Amino acid sequence: MSRTSTTTPSPADPPVVLGIDPGIGTTGYGALAVERNALTVRAFGVIRTPPRTPDADRLAQLERAIDDLIARFRPRALAIEKLFFNTNTTTAMAVSQARGAILAAAGRANVFVREFTPLQVKLAVAGYGRADKGQMQRMVMLQLKLKEPPRPDDAADALALAICGAYGGHLVAGAPRLVG
């Protein structure tokens, strides 16, 4: 697992939302602490699984890494990208398998899961449903008061999902709201 930064929460720490951008080769993650209408980055980065390794082994490795993130951050909610039908069925199948491993880990740990479509994330974070990767990275950087845009793209996407998970109550209809 590649980590950009990490801190371990204490029981008195504010609630955490864990954003996950699923993929079998690279899965982005972002952990945000939610306190008094403010979001603080706890960690972000990517989980990589080795290519040319059987899918079952890659998925088991991904699930263990998600278990570790859940144990480390004890999130109140996990925000994950909802799979939408894609013309590249090979990629869609791999992403759906990764989602399954991630959802199984969240379910085992009794973590509330909220799913968001890419359109919902773009509208909520950038205010524009066709925002490109650069626009999304800049908006995540601004909203989270980072010194530079988060990289790689998968980690930035995971942070955007965590933002939606935290503010979902008023940014996305039907989502629970964790921030005041």
C-alpha atoms as a PDB file:
ATOM      1  CA  MET A   1       0.000   0.000   0.000  1.00  0.00           C
ATOM      2  CA  SER A   2       1.349   3.394  -0.957  1.00  0.00           C
ATOM      3  CA  ARG A   3       0.608   6.081   1.638  1.00  0.00           C
ATOM      4  CA  THR A   4       0.868   9.829   1.370  1.00  0.00           C
ATOM      5  CA  SER A   5       0.264  10.515   5.049  1.00  0.00           C
ATOM      6  CA  THR A   6      -1.228   8.673   7.988  1.00  0.00           C
ATOM      7  CA  THR A   7      -2.295   9.276  11.553  1.00  0.00           C
ATOM      8  CA  THR A   8      -4.022   6.831  13.863  1.00  0.00           C
ATOM      9  CA  PRO A   9      -7.229   8.126  15.485  1.00  0.00           C
ATOM     10  CA  SER A  10      -8.021   7.948  19.169  1.00  0.00           C
ATOM     11  CA  PRO A  11     -11.561   7.151  20.399  1.00  0.00           C
ATOM     12  CA  ALA A  12     -12.111  10.881  21.071  1.00  0.00           C
ATOM     13  CA  ASP A  13     -11.270  11.867  17.478  1.00  0.00           C
ATOM     14  CA  PRO A  14     -13.975  13.179  15.139  1.00  0.00           C
ATOM     15  CA  PRO A  15     -15.782  10.797  12.784  1.00  0.00           C
ATOM     16  CA  VAL A  16     -13.935   9.695   9.662  1.00  0.00           C
ATOM     17  CA  VAL A  17     -15.234   9.122   6.152  1.00  0.00           C
ATOM     18  CA  LEU A  18     -13.191   6.769   3.992  1.00  0.00           C
ATOM     19  CA  GLY A  19     -13.446   7.404   0.251  1.00  0.00           C
ATOM     20  CA  ILE A  20     -12.525   4.548  -2.086  1.00  0.00           C
ATOM     21  CA  ASP A  21     -11.966   4.699  -5.858  1.00  0.00           C
ATOM     22  CA  PRO A  22     -12.035   0.992  -6.759  1.00  0.00           C
ATOM     23  CA  GLY A  23      -9.782  -0.795  -9.205  1.00  0.00           C
ATOM     24  CA  ILE A  24      -8.106  -4.184  -9.326  1.00  0.00           C
ATOM     25  CA  GLY A  25      -4.650  -2.809 -10.203  1.00  0.00           C
ATOM     26  CA  THR A  26      -4.866   0.532  -8.403  1.00  0.00           C
ATOM     27  CA  THR A  27      -7.414   1.520  -5.768  1.00  0.00           C
ATOM     28  CA  GLY A  28      -7.403   5.059  -4.440  1.00  0.00           C
ATOM     29  CA  TYR A  29      -8.261   5.854  -0.838  1.00  0.00           C
ATOM     30  CA  GLY A  30      -8.785   9.033   1.137  1.00  0.00           C
ATOM     31  CA  ALA A  31      -9.639   9.388   4.825  1.00  0.00           C
ATOM     32  CA  LEU A  32     -11.234  12.635   6.030  1.00  0.00           C
ATOM     33  CA  ALA A  33     -11.981  13.616   9.613  1.00  0.00           C
ATOM     34  CA  VAL A  34     -15.292  15.457   9.922  1.00  0.00           C
ATOM     35  CA  GLU A  35     -15.604  18.108  12.611  1.00  0.00           C
ATOM     36  CA  ARG A  36     -17.700  21.272  12.950  1.00  0.00           C
ATOM     37  CA  ASN A  37     -18.345  21.803   9.237  1.00  0.00           C
ATOM     38  CA  ALA A  38     -14.679  21.213   8.453  1.00  0.00           C
ATOM     39  CA  LEU A  39     -12.866  18.363   6.783  1.00  0.00           C
ATOM     40  CA  THR A  40      -9.310  17.409   7.655  1.00  0.00           C
ATOM     41  CA  VAL A  41      -7.245  15.017   5.571  1.00  0.00           C
ATOM     42  CA  ARG A  42      -6.113  12.073   7.669  1.00  0.00           C
ATOM     43  CA  ALA A  43      -4.504  10.146   4.798  1.00  0.00           C
ATOM     44  CA  PHE A  44      -4.674   9.480   1.100  1.00  0.00           C
ATOM     45  CA  GLY A  45      -2.877   7.264  -1.348  1.00  0.00           C
ATOM     46  CA  VAL A  46      -3.270   4.140  -3.420  1.00  0.00           C
ATOM     47  CA  ILE A  47      -3.319   0.398  -2.961  1.00  0.00           C
ATOM     48  CA  ARG A  48      -1.557  -1.380  -5.815  1.00  0.00           C
ATOM     49  CA  THR A  49      -1.777  -5.049  -6.675  1.00  0.00           C
ATOM     50  CA  PRO A  50       0.854  -6.664  -8.885  1.00  0.00           C
ATOM     51  CA  PRO A  51      -0.026  -7.295 -12.519  1.00  0.00           C
ATOM     52  CA  ARG A  52       0.355 -10.829 -13.858  1.00  0.00           C
ATOM     53  CA  THR A  53      -0.918 -12.148 -10.529  1.00  0.00           C
ATOM     54  CA  PRO A  54      -4.104 -14.251 -10.441  1.00  0.00           C
ATOM     55  CA  ASP A  55      -7.199 -12.122  -9.896  1.00  0.00           C
ATOM     56  CA  ALA A  56      -8.164 -14.084  -6.780  1.00  0.00           C
ATOM     57  CA  ASP A  57      -4.816 -13.196  -5.175  1.00  0.00           C
ATOM     58  CA  ARG A  58      -5.104  -9.536  -6.191  1.00  0.00           C
ATOM     59  CA  LEU A  59      -8.630  -9.293  -4.779  1.00  0.00           C
ATOM     60  CA  ALA A  60      -7.567 -10.963  -1.513  1.00  0.00           C
ATOM     61  CA  GLN A  61      -4.660  -8.500  -1.233  1.00  0.00           C
ATOM     62  CA  LEU A  62      -7.033  -5.572  -1.895  1.00  0.00           C
ATOM     63  CA  GLU A  63      -9.529  -6.816   0.694  1.00  0.00           C
ATOM     64  CA  ARG A  64      -6.779  -7.163   3.335  1.00  0.00           C
ATOM     65  CA  ALA A  65      -5.572  -3.627   2.577  1.00  0.00           C
ATOM     66  CA  ILE A  66      -9.131  -2.277   2.975  1.00  0.00           C
ATOM     67  CA  ASP A  67      -9.438  -4.223   6.246  1.00  0.00           C
ATOM     68  CA  ASP A  68      -6.235  -2.484   7.412  1.00  0.00           C
ATOM     69  CA  LEU A  69      -7.563   0.980   6.439  1.00  0.00           C
ATOM     70  CA  ILE A  70     -10.841   0.327   8.256  1.00  0.00           C
ATOM     71  CA  ALA A  71      -8.974  -0.870  11.358  1.00  0.00           C
ATOM     72  CA  ARG A  72      -6.630   2.138  11.266  1.00  0.00           C
ATOM     73  CA  PHE A  73      -9.228   4.881  10.707  1.00  0.00           C
ATOM     74  CA  ARG A  74     -12.416   3.299  12.099  1.00  0.00           C
ATOM     75  CA  PRO A  75     -14.589   5.191   9.580  1.00  0.00           C
ATOM     76  CA  ARG A  76     -18.211   5.986  10.305  1.00  0.00           C
ATOM     77  CA  ALA A  77     -18.904   5.734   6.572  1.00  0.00           C
ATOM     78  CA  LEU A  78     -17.258   4.476   3.409  1.00  0.00           C
ATOM     79  CA  ALA A  79     -17.983   6.336   0.165  1.00  0.00           C
ATOM     80  CA  ILE A  80     -17.374   4.363  -3.012  1.00  0.00           C
ATOM     81  CA  GLU A  81     -17.885   5.020  -6.688  1.00  0.00           C
ATOM     82  CA  LYS A  82     -21.006   3.385  -8.063  1.00  0.00           C
ATOM     83  CA  LEU A  83     -20.297   1.282 -11.120  1.00  0.00           C
ATOM     84  CA  PHE A  84     -21.997   2.483 -14.228  1.00  0.00           C
ATOM     85  CA  PHE A  85     -22.160   0.576 -17.499  1.00  0.00           C
ATOM     86  CA  ASN A  86     -19.085   1.239 -19.540  1.00  0.00           C
ATOM     87  CA  THR A  87     -18.237   0.309 -23.116  1.00  0.00           C
ATOM     88  CA  ASN A  88     -15.063  -1.397 -21.851  1.00  0.00           C
ATOM     89  CA  THR A  89     -16.598  -4.499 -20.277  1.00  0.00           C
ATOM     90  CA  THR A  90     -13.211  -5.935 -19.263  1.00  0.00           C
ATOM     91  CA  THR A  91     -12.505  -2.863 -17.126  1.00  0.00           C
ATOM     92  CA  ALA A  92     -16.073  -2.822 -15.792  1.00  0.00           C
ATOM     93  CA  MET A  93     -15.783  -6.464 -14.698  1.00  0.00           C
ATOM     94  CA  ALA A  94     -12.450  -5.884 -12.944  1.00  0.00           C
ATOM     95  CA  VAL A  95     -13.792  -2.784 -11.163  1.00  0.00           C
ATOM     96  CA  SER A  96     -16.940  -4.651 -10.107  1.00  0.00           C
ATOM     97  CA  GLN A  97     -14.796  -7.451  -8.645  1.00  0.00           C
ATOM     98  CA  ALA A  98     -12.707  -4.882  -6.740  1.00  0.00           C
ATOM     99  CA  ARG A  99     -15.903  -3.229  -5.495  1.00  0.00           C
ATOM    100  CA  GLY A 100     -17.075  -6.619  -4.234  1.00  0.00           C
ATOM    101  CA  ALA A 101     -13.899  -7.100  -2.189  1.00  0.00           C
ATOM    102  CA  ILE A 102     -14.188  -3.563  -0.787  1.00  0.00           C
ATOM    103  CA  LEU A 103     -17.883  -3.898   0.039  1.00  0.00           C
ATOM    104  CA  ALA A 104     -17.253  -7.260   1.733  1.00  0.00           C
ATOM    105  CA  ALA A 105     -14.593  -5.657   3.954  1.00  0.00           C
ATOM    106  CA  ALA A 106     -16.936  -2.769   4.832  1.00  0.00           C
ATOM    107  CA  GLY A 107     -19.827  -5.142   5.533  1.00  0.00           C
ATOM    108  CA  ARG A 108     -17.721  -7.354   7.779  1.00  0.00           C
ATOM    109  CA  ALA A 109     -16.690  -4.273   9.790  1.00  0.00           C
ATOM    110  CA  ASN A 110     -20.269  -2.876   9.907  1.00  0.00           C
ATOM    111  CA  VAL A 111     -19.217   0.334   8.164  1.00  0.00           C
ATOM    112  CA  PHE A 112     -22.062   2.270   6.524  1.00  0.00           C
ATOM    113  CA  VAL A 113     -21.559   2.363   2.734  1.00  0.00           C
ATOM    114  CA  ARG A 114     -22.719   5.154   0.463  1.00  0.00           C
ATOM    115  CA  GLU A 115     -22.358   4.923  -3.303  1.00  0.00           C
ATOM    116  CA  PHE A 116     -22.001   7.874  -5.662  1.00  0.00           C
ATOM    117  CA  THR A 117     -21.959   8.026  -9.440  1.00  0.00           C
ATOM    118  CA  PRO A 118     -19.127   9.916 -11.142  1.00  0.00           C
ATOM    119  CA  LEU A 119     -21.672  12.584 -12.167  1.00  0.00           C
ATOM    120  CA  GLN A 120     -22.800  13.059  -8.552  1.00  0.00           C
ATOM    121  CA  VAL A 121     -19.194  13.406  -7.387  1.00  0.00           C
ATOM    122  CA  LYS A 122     -18.332  15.946 -10.092  1.00  0.00           C
ATOM    123  CA  LEU A 123     -21.450  18.000  -9.423  1.00  0.00           C
ATOM    124  CA  ALA A 124     -20.894  17.951  -5.666  1.00  0.00           C
ATOM    125  CA  VAL A 125     -17.173  18.747  -5.691  1.00  0.00           C
ATOM    126  CA  ALA A 126     -16.694  20.891  -8.797  1.00  0.00           C
ATOM    127  CA  GLY A 127     -20.240  22.103  -9.431  1.00  0.00           C
ATOM    128  CA  TYR A 128     -19.992  20.819 -13.012  1.00  0.00           C
ATOM    129  CA  GLY A 129     -20.903  17.297 -14.130  1.00  0.00           C
ATOM    130  CA  ARG A 130     -18.332  17.240 -16.910  1.00  0.00           C
ATOM    131  CA  ALA A 131     -15.363  18.431 -14.867  1.00  0.00           C
ATOM    132  CA  ASP A 132     -12.107  16.881 -16.050  1.00  0.00           C
ATOM    133  CA  LYS A 133      -9.462  15.241 -13.848  1.00  0.00           C
ATOM    134  CA  GLY A 134      -7.469  18.476 -13.505  1.00  0.00           C
ATOM    135  CA  GLN A 135     -10.517  20.488 -12.462  1.00  0.00           C
ATOM    136  CA  MET A 136     -11.477  17.838  -9.923  1.00  0.00           C
ATOM    137  CA  GLN A 137      -7.973  17.717  -8.457  1.00  0.00           C
ATOM    138  CA  ARG A 138      -7.912  21.512  -8.096  1.00  0.00           C
ATOM    139  CA  MET A 139     -11.327  21.585  -6.422  1.00  0.00           C
ATOM    140  CA  VAL A 140     -10.328  18.807  -4.005  1.00  0.00           C
ATOM    141  CA  MET A 141      -7.127  20.736  -3.238  1.00  0.00           C
ATOM    142  CA  LEU A 142      -9.079  23.941  -2.557  1.00  0.00           C
ATOM    143  CA  GLN A 143     -11.819  22.322  -0.486  1.00  0.00           C
ATOM    144  CA  LEU A 144      -9.348  20.391   1.650  1.00  0.00           C
ATOM    145  CA  LYS A 145      -6.831  23.253   1.863  1.00  0.00           C
ATOM    146  CA  LEU A 146      -4.003  21.160   0.421  1.00  0.00           C
ATOM    147  CA  LYS A 147      -0.807  22.831  -0.801  1.00  0.00           C
ATOM    148  CA  GLU A 148      -0.938  21.013  -4.130  1.00  0.00           C
ATOM    149  CA  PRO A 149      -3.403  18.872  -6.060  1.00  0.00           C
ATOM    150  CA  PRO A 150      -3.548  15.323  -4.677  1.00  0.00           C
ATOM    151  CA  ARG A 151      -1.834  12.706  -6.802  1.00  0.00           C
ATOM    152  CA  PRO A 152      -2.218  10.177  -8.253  1.00  0.00           C
ATOM    153  CA  ASP A 153      -5.644  10.584  -9.868  1.00  0.00           C
ATOM    154  CA  ASP A 154      -7.019   7.575  -7.998  1.00  0.00           C
ATOM    155  CA  ALA A 155      -6.224   9.169  -4.622  1.00  0.00           C
ATOM    156  CA  ALA A 156      -7.754  12.487  -5.725  1.00  0.00           C
ATOM    157  CA  ASP A 157     -10.899  10.647  -6.829  1.00  0.00           C
ATOM    158  CA  ALA A 158     -11.066   8.870  -3.462  1.00  0.00           C
ATOM    159  CA  LEU A 159     -10.789  12.200  -1.613  1.00  0.00           C
ATOM    160  CA  ALA A 160     -13.610  13.579  -3.799  1.00  0.00           C
ATOM    161  CA  LEU A 161     -15.720  10.558  -2.850  1.00  0.00           C
ATOM    162  CA  ALA A 162     -14.941  11.137   0.834  1.00  0.00           C
ATOM    163  CA  ILE A 163     -16.056  14.770   0.463  1.00  0.00           C
ATOM    164  CA  CYS A 164     -19.357  13.501  -0.960  1.00  0.00           C
ATOM    165  CA  GLY A 165     -19.651  10.998   1.865  1.00  0.00           C
ATOM    166  CA  ALA A 166     -19.151  13.734   4.452  1.00  0.00           C
ATOM    167  CA  TYR A 167     -21.366  16.398   2.899  1.00  0.00           C
ATOM    168  CA  GLY A 168     -23.722  14.007   1.171  1.00  0.00           C
ATOM    169  CA  GLY A 169     -26.784  15.132   3.088  1.00  0.00           C
ATOM    170  CA  HIS A 170     -27.011  18.382   1.192  1.00  0.00           C
ATOM    171  CA  LEU A 171     -24.834  17.745  -1.867  1.00  0.00           C
ATOM    172  CA  VAL A 172     -26.450  14.504  -2.987  1.00  0.00           C
ATOM    173  CA  ALA A 173     -30.109  13.710  -2.390  1.00  0.00           C
ATOM    174  CA  GLY A 174     -30.693  10.829  -0.006  1.00  0.00           C
ATOM    175  CA  ALA A 175     -27.175  10.657   1.451  1.00  0.00           C
ATOM    176  CA  PRO A 176     -26.636  10.821   5.211  1.00  0.00           C
ATOM    177  CA  ARG A 177     -24.978  13.992   6.421  1.00  0.00           C
ATOM    178  CA  LEU A 178     -22.007  13.725   8.769  1.00  0.00           C
ATOM    179  CA  VAL A 179     -21.008  17.383   8.765  1.00  0.00           C
ATOM    180  CA  GLY A 180     -23.032  19.942  10.793  1.00  0.00           C
END
